[in-house]
Amino acid sequence: MQQTEALLIRKQVWSDTSLIVTWLTPAHGKVRTLARAARRPGNPLAGKLDLFFRAEIAFTLSRRTSLHALREVSLLQAFDSPSVSSVFLCGYFAELADAATESGQPAPEIFNLLGRAIAHLRVQAASLRALEHFEIELCRVLGVQDDRAHPLATIESYCGRIPASRAAALRMMRPMAAA
């Protein structure tokens, strides 16, 4: 059994009672786990599997697939945001981290960057400055920083595309900037 600190970056419904949960970890990079019966009332995982939560997880590696069995979750930090725009921005950051990491490959710097961004957005509203800082730092961490190119172009070149959630996060921030 593997045990590690993790940030929950994606949840998908698997069945009437189960979820596929994608985590970002420092030692294992991206980890996809099956949380059996997590949607069933009274399950020990209830309330511990929400986006951007930081947790200590235990999972069993699968020998056949890249979908591992989630065994335990100990919540370290819930995500409660001051604004909807912060949730959207966290979503964009999580998608970038997802695109920039691979399963089974250590990603401690990306884990730390995403963790700092989520912690910041727990107490501060989303801002263009936070978005640009994350993009610049991600380029630096990935080792693809190019002072001649805009970080967005560099990320697009590295990841293949810019997640659509960036435009949604910007739309959510605009009404606040105009007020």
N, C-alpha and C. Protein backbone atom coordinates (compact mmCIF):
# COMPACT_ATOMS: atom_id res chain seq x y z
N MET A 1 0.84 -1.17 0.00
CA MET A 1 0.00 0.00 0.00
C MET A 1 0.89 1.24 0.00
N GLN A 2 0.52 2.22 -0.81
CA GLN A 2 1.24 3.49 -0.91
C GLN A 2 0.52 4.54 -0.07
N GLN A 3 1.28 5.41 0.56
CA GLN A 3 0.69 6.48 1.36
C GLN A 3 1.41 7.77 1.01
N THR A 4 0.63 8.85 0.78
CA THR A 4 1.23 10.12 0.38
C THR A 4 0.26 11.27 0.62
N GLU A 5 0.81 12.46 0.67
CA GLU A 5 -0.02 13.66 0.70
C GLU A 5 -0.49 13.91 -0.73
N ALA A 6 -1.69 14.44 -0.89
CA ALA A 6 -2.25 14.62 -2.23
C ALA A 6 -3.23 15.78 -2.28
N LEU A 7 -3.38 16.34 -3.49
CA LEU A 7 -4.39 17.37 -3.77
C LEU A 7 -5.38 16.77 -4.75
N LEU A 8 -6.66 16.88 -4.44
CA LEU A 8 -7.69 16.33 -5.32
C LEU A 8 -7.92 17.29 -6.48
N ILE A 9 -7.63 16.84 -7.71
CA ILE A 9 -7.74 17.74 -8.86
C ILE A 9 -8.87 17.37 -9.83
N ARG A 10 -9.46 16.19 -9.69
CA ARG A 10 -10.57 15.81 -10.58
C ARG A 10 -11.40 14.70 -9.95
N LYS A 11 -12.73 14.80 -10.14
CA LYS A 11 -13.66 13.75 -9.71
C LYS A 11 -14.56 13.39 -10.88
N GLN A 12 -14.78 12.10 -11.07
CA GLN A 12 -15.68 11.63 -12.11
C GLN A 12 -16.57 10.54 -11.52
N VAL A 13 -17.82 10.53 -11.92
CA VAL A 13 -18.72 9.46 -11.49
C VAL A 13 -18.34 8.20 -12.24
N TRP A 14 -18.20 7.10 -11.51
CA TRP A 14 -17.86 5.81 -12.10
C TRP A 14 -19.08 4.91 -12.17
N SER A 15 -19.87 4.93 -11.12
CA SER A 15 -21.09 4.13 -11.06
C SER A 15 -22.07 4.84 -10.13
N ASP A 16 -23.17 4.18 -9.82
CA ASP A 16 -24.15 4.77 -8.91
C ASP A 16 -23.55 5.10 -7.55
N THR A 17 -22.53 4.34 -7.15
CA THR A 17 -21.98 4.54 -5.82
C THR A 17 -20.49 4.88 -5.78
N SER A 18 -19.80 4.77 -6.91
CA SER A 18 -18.34 4.93 -6.90
C SER A 18 -17.88 6.13 -7.73
N LEU A 19 -16.66 6.58 -7.42
CA LEU A 19 -16.04 7.72 -8.11
C LEU A 19 -14.64 7.35 -8.57
N ILE A 20 -14.22 8.00 -9.66
CA ILE A 20 -12.81 7.99 -10.03
C ILE A 20 -12.28 9.34 -9.56
N VAL A 21 -11.24 9.31 -8.76
CA VAL A 21 -10.68 10.52 -8.17
C VAL A 21 -9.23 10.64 -8.63
N THR A 22 -8.89 11.79 -9.20
CA THR A 22 -7.52 12.05 -9.65
C THR A 22 -6.86 12.97 -8.65
N TRP A 23 -5.68 12.56 -8.21
CA TRP A 23 -4.91 13.29 -7.21
C TRP A 23 -3.60 13.75 -7.82
N LEU A 24 -3.06 14.83 -7.32
CA LEU A 24 -1.70 15.24 -7.63
C LEU A 24 -0.89 15.02 -6.36
N THR A 25 0.20 14.27 -6.51
CA THR A 25 1.04 13.95 -5.35
C THR A 25 2.48 14.34 -5.65
N PRO A 26 3.28 14.60 -4.62
CA PRO A 26 4.67 14.94 -4.88
C PRO A 26 5.50 13.75 -5.37
N ALA A 27 5.28 12.58 -4.81
CA ALA A 27 6.12 11.42 -5.12
C ALA A 27 5.65 10.59 -6.30
N HIS A 28 4.35 10.60 -6.58
CA HIS A 28 3.79 9.74 -7.63
C HIS A 28 3.22 10.54 -8.80
N GLY A 29 3.34 11.85 -8.77
CA GLY A 29 2.73 12.67 -9.82
C GLY A 29 1.23 12.54 -9.77
N LYS A 30 0.64 12.32 -10.92
CA LYS A 30 -0.81 12.16 -11.02
C LYS A 30 -1.18 10.72 -10.64
N VAL A 31 -2.18 10.57 -9.79
CA VAL A 31 -2.63 9.25 -9.37
C VAL A 31 -4.15 9.19 -9.54
N ARG A 32 -4.60 8.23 -10.35
CA ARG A 32 -6.04 8.02 -10.51
C ARG A 32 -6.45 6.86 -9.61
N THR A 33 -7.48 7.12 -8.78
CA THR A 33 -7.93 6.08 -7.86
C THR A 33 -9.42 5.84 -8.01
N LEU A 34 -9.83 4.62 -7.73
CA LEU A 34 -11.24 4.26 -7.69
C LEU A 34 -11.68 4.26 -6.24
N ALA A 35 -12.66 5.13 -5.95
CA ALA A 35 -13.20 5.22 -4.59
C ALA A 35 -14.53 4.46 -4.58
N ARG A 36 -14.44 3.18 -4.28
CA ARG A 36 -15.65 2.33 -4.28
C ARG A 36 -16.61 2.76 -3.18
N ALA A 37 -17.87 2.84 -3.55
CA ALA A 37 -18.97 3.15 -2.62
C ALA A 37 -18.85 4.53 -1.98
N ALA A 38 -18.02 5.41 -2.53
CA ALA A 38 -17.81 6.74 -1.95
C ALA A 38 -19.07 7.59 -1.97
N ARG A 39 -19.99 7.30 -2.88
CA ARG A 39 -21.23 8.08 -2.98
C ARG A 39 -22.36 7.49 -2.14
N ARG A 40 -22.07 6.42 -1.46
CA ARG A 40 -23.07 5.76 -0.62
C ARG A 40 -23.15 6.47 0.73
N PRO A 41 -24.35 6.74 1.23
CA PRO A 41 -24.48 7.40 2.54
C PRO A 41 -23.78 6.60 3.64
N GLY A 42 -23.12 7.31 4.52
CA GLY A 42 -22.45 6.67 5.64
C GLY A 42 -21.07 6.11 5.32
N ASN A 43 -20.61 6.26 4.09
CA ASN A 43 -19.29 5.76 3.73
C ASN A 43 -18.22 6.58 4.44
N PRO A 44 -17.13 5.94 4.89
CA PRO A 44 -16.07 6.68 5.59
C PRO A 44 -15.41 7.78 4.74
N LEU A 45 -15.55 7.70 3.42
CA LEU A 45 -14.96 8.71 2.54
C LEU A 45 -15.87 9.94 2.36
N ALA A 46 -17.10 9.84 2.85
CA ALA A 46 -18.05 10.94 2.68
C ALA A 46 -17.50 12.23 3.27
N GLY A 47 -17.58 13.31 2.49
CA GLY A 47 -17.11 14.61 2.94
C GLY A 47 -15.62 14.84 2.81
N LYS A 48 -14.89 13.83 2.35
CA LYS A 48 -13.43 13.96 2.24
C LYS A 48 -12.95 14.06 0.79
N LEU A 49 -13.88 13.89 -0.15
CA LEU A 49 -13.51 13.87 -1.57
C LEU A 49 -14.16 15.03 -2.30
N ASP A 50 -13.57 16.19 -2.15
CA ASP A 50 -14.07 17.35 -2.88
C ASP A 50 -12.88 18.04 -3.54
N LEU A 51 -13.16 18.76 -4.61
CA LEU A 51 -12.10 19.40 -5.38
C LEU A 51 -11.22 20.30 -4.52
N PHE A 52 -9.94 20.21 -4.78
CA PHE A 52 -8.90 21.04 -4.17
C PHE A 52 -8.68 20.77 -2.69
N PHE A 53 -9.24 19.66 -2.18
CA PHE A 53 -8.94 19.26 -0.81
C PHE A 53 -7.52 18.71 -0.77
N ARG A 54 -6.83 19.00 0.33
CA ARG A 54 -5.50 18.42 0.59
C ARG A 54 -5.73 17.30 1.60
N ALA A 55 -5.14 16.13 1.31
CA ALA A 55 -5.38 14.98 2.17
C ALA A 55 -4.16 14.07 2.18
N GLU A 56 -4.12 13.24 3.18
CA GLU A 56 -3.17 12.13 3.24
C GLU A 56 -3.97 10.93 2.73
N ILE A 57 -3.50 10.29 1.65
CA ILE A 57 -4.24 9.17 1.07
C ILE A 57 -3.42 7.90 1.14
N ALA A 58 -4.13 6.79 1.16
CA ALA A 58 -3.52 5.47 1.05
C ALA A 58 -4.22 4.76 -0.09
N PHE A 59 -3.43 4.17 -0.99
CA PHE A 59 -4.00 3.47 -2.13
C PHE A 59 -3.17 2.24 -2.45
N THR A 60 -3.83 1.28 -3.08
CA THR A 60 -3.17 0.06 -3.49
C THR A 60 -2.93 0.13 -4.99
N LEU A 61 -1.70 -0.09 -5.41
CA LEU A 61 -1.37 -0.04 -6.83
C LEU A 61 -2.01 -1.21 -7.57
N SER A 62 -2.56 -0.93 -8.73
CA SER A 62 -3.12 -1.96 -9.59
C SER A 62 -2.01 -2.51 -10.46
N ARG A 63 -2.02 -3.80 -10.68
CA ARG A 63 -1.01 -4.43 -11.55
C ARG A 63 -1.43 -4.38 -13.01
N ARG A 64 -2.73 -4.21 -13.26
CA ARG A 64 -3.24 -4.29 -14.63
C ARG A 64 -3.56 -2.95 -15.27
N THR A 65 -3.96 -1.96 -14.49
CA THR A 65 -4.40 -0.69 -15.07
C THR A 65 -3.75 0.48 -14.33
N SER A 66 -4.03 1.67 -14.84
CA SER A 66 -3.52 2.88 -14.17
C SER A 66 -4.54 3.41 -13.16
N LEU A 67 -5.59 2.65 -12.91
CA LEU A 67 -6.62 3.02 -11.93
C LEU A 67 -6.40 2.21 -10.67
N HIS A 68 -5.98 2.89 -9.61
CA HIS A 68 -5.61 2.23 -8.36
C HIS A 68 -6.77 2.28 -7.37
N ALA A 69 -6.72 1.45 -6.35
CA ALA A 69 -7.79 1.37 -5.35
C ALA A 69 -7.51 2.32 -4.19
N LEU A 70 -8.42 3.27 -3.99
CA LEU A 70 -8.30 4.20 -2.86
C LEU A 70 -8.73 3.47 -1.60
N ARG A 71 -7.89 3.47 -0.58
CA ARG A 71 -8.18 2.74 0.66
C ARG A 71 -8.55 3.68 1.81
N GLU A 72 -7.80 4.77 1.97
CA GLU A 72 -8.05 5.68 3.09
C GLU A 72 -7.80 7.11 2.66
N VAL A 73 -8.54 8.02 3.29
CA VAL A 73 -8.35 9.45 3.08
C VAL A 73 -8.42 10.13 4.44
N SER A 74 -7.38 10.88 4.76
CA SER A 74 -7.38 11.66 5.98
C SER A 74 -7.28 13.13 5.56
N LEU A 75 -8.34 13.87 5.74
CA LEU A 75 -8.41 15.25 5.29
C LEU A 75 -7.44 16.13 6.08
N LEU A 76 -6.60 16.88 5.36
CA LEU A 76 -5.67 17.81 5.98
C LEU A 76 -6.17 19.25 5.88
N GLN A 77 -6.77 19.59 4.74
CA GLN A 77 -7.24 20.97 4.53
C GLN A 77 -8.38 20.95 3.52
N ALA A 78 -9.53 21.45 3.94
CA ALA A 78 -10.66 21.59 3.03
C ALA A 78 -10.46 22.86 2.20
N PHE A 79 -11.17 22.95 1.09
CA PHE A 79 -11.11 24.16 0.27
C PHE A 79 -12.43 24.89 0.42
N ASP A 80 -12.37 26.04 1.04
CA ASP A 80 -13.54 26.90 1.16
C ASP A 80 -13.11 28.27 0.65
N SER A 81 -13.70 28.69 -0.44
CA SER A 81 -13.23 29.86 -1.15
C SER A 81 -14.08 31.09 -0.85
N PRO A 82 -13.46 32.28 -0.88
CA PRO A 82 -14.22 33.51 -0.66
C PRO A 82 -15.04 33.92 -1.87
N SER A 83 -14.76 33.32 -3.04
CA SER A 83 -15.47 33.74 -4.24
C SER A 83 -15.56 32.61 -5.26
N VAL A 84 -16.55 32.71 -6.12
CA VAL A 84 -16.73 31.75 -7.19
C VAL A 84 -15.57 31.86 -8.18
N SER A 85 -15.07 33.06 -8.40
CA SER A 85 -13.95 33.24 -9.33
C SER A 85 -12.72 32.47 -8.85
N SER A 86 -12.52 32.36 -7.55
CA SER A 86 -11.40 31.60 -7.02
C SER A 86 -11.55 30.11 -7.34
N VAL A 87 -12.76 29.61 -7.28
CA VAL A 87 -13.02 28.21 -7.63
C VAL A 87 -12.68 27.98 -9.10
N PHE A 88 -13.12 28.88 -9.96
CA PHE A 88 -12.82 28.75 -11.38
C PHE A 88 -11.31 28.80 -11.64
N LEU A 89 -10.62 29.70 -10.96
CA LEU A 89 -9.18 29.81 -11.15
C LEU A 89 -8.46 28.56 -10.64
N CYS A 90 -8.89 28.03 -9.52
CA CYS A 90 -8.32 26.77 -9.03
C CYS A 90 -8.54 25.65 -10.04
N GLY A 91 -9.72 25.65 -10.67
CA GLY A 91 -10.00 24.65 -11.69
C GLY A 91 -9.02 24.73 -12.85
N TYR A 92 -8.73 25.95 -13.28
CA TYR A 92 -7.76 26.16 -14.36
C TYR A 92 -6.37 25.68 -13.92
N PHE A 93 -5.96 26.05 -12.73
CA PHE A 93 -4.66 25.63 -12.23
C PHE A 93 -4.57 24.10 -12.15
N ALA A 94 -5.64 23.46 -11.69
CA ALA A 94 -5.66 22.00 -11.58
C ALA A 94 -5.56 21.36 -12.96
N GLU A 95 -6.25 21.93 -13.95
CA GLU A 95 -6.16 21.39 -15.31
C GLU A 95 -4.75 21.54 -15.88
N LEU A 96 -4.11 22.67 -15.61
CA LEU A 96 -2.73 22.84 -16.07
C LEU A 96 -1.81 21.82 -15.40
N ALA A 97 -1.97 21.64 -14.10
CA ALA A 97 -1.14 20.66 -13.38
C ALA A 97 -1.38 19.26 -13.93
N ASP A 98 -2.63 18.95 -14.24
CA ASP A 98 -2.99 17.65 -14.81
C ASP A 98 -2.30 17.47 -16.16
N ALA A 99 -2.34 18.49 -17.01
CA ALA A 99 -1.74 18.40 -18.34
C ALA A 99 -0.21 18.34 -18.28
N ALA A 100 0.38 18.92 -17.26
CA ALA A 100 1.84 19.02 -17.17
C ALA A 100 2.48 17.85 -16.44
N THR A 101 1.69 16.95 -15.88
CA THR A 101 2.25 15.84 -15.10
C THR A 101 1.84 14.50 -15.71
N GLU A 102 2.57 13.47 -15.32
CA GLU A 102 2.27 12.12 -15.77
C GLU A 102 2.11 11.21 -14.57
N SER A 103 1.36 10.16 -14.78
CA SER A 103 1.18 9.16 -13.71
C SER A 103 2.51 8.48 -13.42
N GLY A 104 2.78 8.33 -12.13
CA GLY A 104 3.97 7.61 -11.72
C GLY A 104 5.27 8.40 -11.77
N GLN A 105 5.22 9.63 -12.25
CA GLN A 105 6.43 10.46 -12.32
C GLN A 105 6.40 11.49 -11.20
N PRO A 106 7.38 11.52 -10.33
CA PRO A 106 7.38 12.49 -9.23
C PRO A 106 7.21 13.92 -9.75
N ALA A 107 6.43 14.71 -9.01
CA ALA A 107 6.17 16.11 -9.40
C ALA A 107 6.11 16.99 -8.16
N PRO A 108 7.16 16.98 -7.32
CA PRO A 108 7.08 17.75 -6.07
C PRO A 108 6.96 19.26 -6.28
N GLU A 109 7.62 19.80 -7.30
CA GLU A 109 7.54 21.25 -7.50
C GLU A 109 6.17 21.69 -8.01
N ILE A 110 5.57 20.88 -8.89
CA ILE A 110 4.22 21.22 -9.38
C ILE A 110 3.22 21.04 -8.26
N PHE A 111 3.39 20.00 -7.44
CA PHE A 111 2.53 19.80 -6.28
C PHE A 111 2.61 21.01 -5.34
N ASN A 112 3.82 21.47 -5.06
CA ASN A 112 4.00 22.63 -4.17
C ASN A 112 3.41 23.90 -4.78
N LEU A 113 3.60 24.11 -6.08
CA LEU A 113 3.06 25.28 -6.76
C LEU A 113 1.54 25.28 -6.69
N LEU A 114 0.92 24.15 -7.01
CA LEU A 114 -0.54 24.07 -6.96
C LEU A 114 -1.04 24.23 -5.52
N GLY A 115 -0.35 23.62 -4.57
CA GLY A 115 -0.74 23.76 -3.17
C GLY A 115 -0.69 25.20 -2.69
N ARG A 116 0.36 25.94 -3.09
CA ARG A 116 0.46 27.35 -2.71
C ARG A 116 -0.65 28.17 -3.37
N ALA A 117 -0.95 27.87 -4.63
CA ALA A 117 -2.00 28.61 -5.34
C ALA A 117 -3.36 28.38 -4.69
N ILE A 118 -3.65 27.14 -4.34
CA ILE A 118 -4.93 26.83 -3.69
C ILE A 118 -5.00 27.51 -2.33
N ALA A 119 -3.91 27.47 -1.56
CA ALA A 119 -3.89 28.14 -0.25
C ALA A 119 -4.12 29.64 -0.40
N HIS A 120 -3.52 30.24 -1.42
CA HIS A 120 -3.70 31.67 -1.67
C HIS A 120 -5.17 31.98 -2.00
N LEU A 121 -5.75 31.15 -2.85
CA LEU A 121 -7.14 31.40 -3.29
C LEU A 121 -8.17 31.02 -2.23
N ARG A 122 -7.75 30.39 -1.16
CA ARG A 122 -8.66 30.14 -0.03
C ARG A 122 -8.93 31.44 0.73
N VAL A 123 -7.98 32.38 0.68
CA VAL A 123 -8.12 33.60 1.47
C VAL A 123 -8.20 34.86 0.62
N GLN A 124 -7.84 34.77 -0.65
CA GLN A 124 -7.87 35.93 -1.55
C GLN A 124 -8.77 35.62 -2.74
N ALA A 125 -9.44 36.63 -3.23
CA ALA A 125 -10.23 36.47 -4.44
C ALA A 125 -9.30 36.29 -5.62
N ALA A 126 -9.78 35.65 -6.66
CA ALA A 126 -9.00 35.43 -7.87
C ALA A 126 -8.59 36.76 -8.48
N SER A 127 -7.41 36.77 -9.08
CA SER A 127 -6.93 37.99 -9.73
C SER A 127 -6.10 37.62 -10.95
N LEU A 128 -5.99 38.55 -11.86
CA LEU A 128 -5.17 38.35 -13.04
C LEU A 128 -3.70 38.16 -12.63
N ARG A 129 -3.31 38.85 -11.59
CA ARG A 129 -1.93 38.73 -11.09
C ARG A 129 -1.65 37.29 -10.62
N ALA A 130 -2.60 36.67 -9.91
CA ALA A 130 -2.43 35.29 -9.46
C ALA A 130 -2.36 34.34 -10.66
N LEU A 131 -3.20 34.55 -11.65
CA LEU A 131 -3.21 33.71 -12.84
C LEU A 131 -1.87 33.79 -13.56
N GLU A 132 -1.39 34.99 -13.80
CA GLU A 132 -0.13 35.17 -14.51
C GLU A 132 1.06 34.63 -13.71
N HIS A 133 1.03 34.82 -12.40
CA HIS A 133 2.10 34.30 -11.55
C HIS A 133 2.17 32.77 -11.66
N PHE A 134 1.01 32.12 -11.60
CA PHE A 134 0.99 30.65 -11.69
C PHE A 134 1.55 30.19 -13.03
N GLU A 135 1.15 30.84 -14.11
CA GLU A 135 1.63 30.44 -15.44
C GLU A 135 3.14 30.62 -15.56
N ILE A 136 3.66 31.73 -15.07
CA ILE A 136 5.11 31.98 -15.12
C ILE A 136 5.86 30.95 -14.28
N GLU A 137 5.36 30.69 -13.07
CA GLU A 137 6.02 29.72 -12.18
C GLU A 137 5.94 28.31 -12.74
N LEU A 138 4.83 27.96 -13.39
CA LEU A 138 4.72 26.63 -13.99
C LEU A 138 5.77 26.46 -15.09
N CYS A 139 5.95 27.48 -15.91
CA CYS A 139 6.99 27.43 -16.96
C CYS A 139 8.37 27.25 -16.33
N ARG A 140 8.63 27.96 -15.25
CA ARG A 140 9.92 27.86 -14.57
C ARG A 140 10.12 26.45 -14.02
N VAL A 141 9.10 25.91 -13.35
CA VAL A 141 9.19 24.58 -12.75
C VAL A 141 9.38 23.51 -13.82
N LEU A 142 8.71 23.67 -14.95
CA LEU A 142 8.82 22.68 -16.03
C LEU A 142 10.14 22.80 -16.79
N GLY A 143 10.86 23.92 -16.56
CA GLY A 143 12.12 24.13 -17.25
C GLY A 143 11.95 24.58 -18.69
N VAL A 144 10.79 25.20 -18.99
CA VAL A 144 10.52 25.65 -20.35
C VAL A 144 10.36 27.17 -20.42
N GLN A 145 10.83 27.85 -19.40
CA GLN A 145 10.70 29.31 -19.36
C GLN A 145 11.47 29.92 -20.52
N ASP A 146 10.81 30.78 -21.26
CA ASP A 146 11.41 31.47 -22.41
C ASP A 146 11.10 32.94 -22.26
N ASP A 147 12.11 33.73 -21.96
CA ASP A 147 11.90 35.16 -21.73
C ASP A 147 11.42 35.90 -22.97
N ARG A 148 11.62 35.30 -24.15
CA ARG A 148 11.18 35.94 -25.39
C ARG A 148 9.71 35.65 -25.70
N ALA A 149 9.14 34.61 -25.12
CA ALA A 149 7.76 34.21 -25.42
C ALA A 149 6.87 34.44 -24.20
N HIS A 150 5.60 34.69 -24.46
CA HIS A 150 4.62 34.83 -23.39
C HIS A 150 4.45 33.47 -22.72
N PRO A 151 4.31 33.42 -21.40
CA PRO A 151 4.16 32.13 -20.72
C PRO A 151 3.01 31.29 -21.27
N LEU A 152 1.95 31.93 -21.70
CA LEU A 152 0.80 31.21 -22.23
C LEU A 152 1.18 30.43 -23.50
N ALA A 153 1.95 31.07 -24.37
CA ALA A 153 2.41 30.39 -25.59
C ALA A 153 3.34 29.24 -25.24
N THR A 154 4.18 29.43 -24.23
CA THR A 154 5.10 28.38 -23.81
C THR A 154 4.34 27.19 -23.23
N ILE A 155 3.33 27.46 -22.42
CA ILE A 155 2.50 26.39 -21.84
C ILE A 155 1.76 25.65 -22.94
N GLU A 156 1.21 26.39 -23.88
CA GLU A 156 0.48 25.76 -24.99
C GLU A 156 1.40 24.84 -25.79
N SER A 157 2.61 25.29 -26.01
CA SER A 157 3.58 24.48 -26.75
C SER A 157 3.93 23.21 -25.96
N TYR A 158 4.09 23.34 -24.64
CA TYR A 158 4.47 22.21 -23.80
C TYR A 158 3.31 21.22 -23.62
N CYS A 159 2.12 21.74 -23.33
CA CYS A 159 0.97 20.88 -23.00
C CYS A 159 0.11 20.52 -24.22
N GLY A 160 0.31 21.25 -25.33
CA GLY A 160 -0.49 20.96 -26.51
C GLY A 160 -1.72 21.84 -26.66
N ARG A 161 -2.20 22.37 -25.55
CA ARG A 161 -3.37 23.24 -25.58
C ARG A 161 -3.48 23.99 -24.26
N ILE A 162 -4.25 25.07 -24.30
CA ILE A 162 -4.57 25.80 -23.08
C ILE A 162 -5.98 25.36 -22.67
N PRO A 163 -6.18 24.93 -21.45
CA PRO A 163 -7.51 24.50 -21.03
C PRO A 163 -8.56 25.61 -21.19
N ALA A 164 -9.75 25.22 -21.61
CA ALA A 164 -10.85 26.18 -21.78
C ALA A 164 -11.23 26.84 -20.46
N SER A 165 -10.87 26.22 -19.35
CA SER A 165 -11.20 26.79 -18.05
C SER A 165 -10.49 28.12 -17.81
N ARG A 166 -9.43 28.42 -18.57
CA ARG A 166 -8.75 29.71 -18.43
C ARG A 166 -9.70 30.83 -18.83
N ALA A 167 -10.37 30.66 -19.96
CA ALA A 167 -11.31 31.69 -20.44
C ALA A 167 -12.46 31.85 -19.45
N ALA A 168 -12.93 30.75 -18.90
CA ALA A 168 -14.02 30.82 -17.91
C ALA A 168 -13.56 31.56 -16.65
N ALA A 169 -12.34 31.30 -16.20
CA ALA A 169 -11.82 31.98 -15.01
C ALA A 169 -11.69 33.48 -15.28
N LEU A 170 -11.21 33.84 -16.46
CA LEU A 170 -11.10 35.26 -16.82
C LEU A 170 -12.46 35.94 -16.85
N ARG A 171 -13.46 35.26 -17.40
CA ARG A 171 -14.84 35.81 -17.43
C ARG A 171 -15.37 36.04 -16.02
N MET A 172 -15.04 35.12 -15.12
CA MET A 172 -15.52 35.26 -13.73
C MET A 172 -14.83 36.41 -13.02
N MET A 173 -13.60 36.72 -13.40
CA MET A 173 -12.85 37.80 -12.76
C MET A 173 -13.24 39.17 -13.31
N ARG A 174 -13.67 39.26 -14.55
CA ARG A 174 -13.97 40.55 -15.18
C ARG A 174 -15.03 41.35 -14.44
N PRO A 175 -16.17 40.78 -14.05
CA PRO A 175 -17.15 41.59 -13.35
C PRO A 175 -16.59 42.23 -12.08
N MET A 176 -15.68 41.52 -11.40
CA MET A 176 -15.09 42.07 -10.18
C MET A 176 -14.17 43.24 -10.51
N ALA A 177 -13.43 43.14 -11.63
CA ALA A 177 -12.50 44.20 -12.01
C ALA A 177 -13.25 45.47 -12.43
N ALA A 178 -14.42 45.28 -13.05
CA ALA A 178 -15.21 46.41 -13.52
C ALA A 178 -15.91 47.14 -12.39
N ALA A 179 -16.16 46.45 -11.27
CA ALA A 179 -16.90 47.05 -10.14
C ALA A 179 -16.07 48.02 -9.37
